[in-house]
Amino acid sequence: MFEILREYNDYLQQCFIMLDVKTFQKKCAERCTNDSNRKATIDHALRGTLLVILPKNVSNNVHLLEIYIAFCIELCRKDLATASMSVMLFADIFDSMTVDRNEQLFVFVENNVVVWKEDLFSACKNNLLRMCNDLELSRNVQCLRNV
């Protein structure tokens, strides 16, 4: 099982670097024919790869994280990952960054409202809204601390 997870992590990282969803989809279909097992494994690989990306993102390059979320969204659209995975990744990212960096990433959320309105993401809209409210609350608390 762990060997399969490592393989998926490797596939995902390689395909993310090249932004190649088709190759990733092909490799995953060859490796695992069971959709539910494949989705669970890919979801795990997405979170694992994020853990690799975050420490490398020492310059706090929000753009790299935006690209990763967009890559995840494409995997969701191809039915390779659970639709809520992109929102879970946002939660992980928001939990790991400062409020000012989160605000920069939040612009990505705002600029992609069309994506979140897709039927595919309807089940996770409330989670996304809750995160946005938490971010707003964090910003307000930060402002109060600076007073």
Foldseek 3Di string as FASTA:
>chain_A
DVVVLVVLLVLVVVCLVVVNPPVSVVVLCVVDVDLVVQQVSNLVSLVVVLVVVVVVCVVLPLVSVLSSLVSVLVCLVVSRYQLCSSLVSLVVVVVVDDLVSNVVNVVSVVVVVVSCPDPSNVVCPVSNVVVVVVSVVNVVVVVVVVD
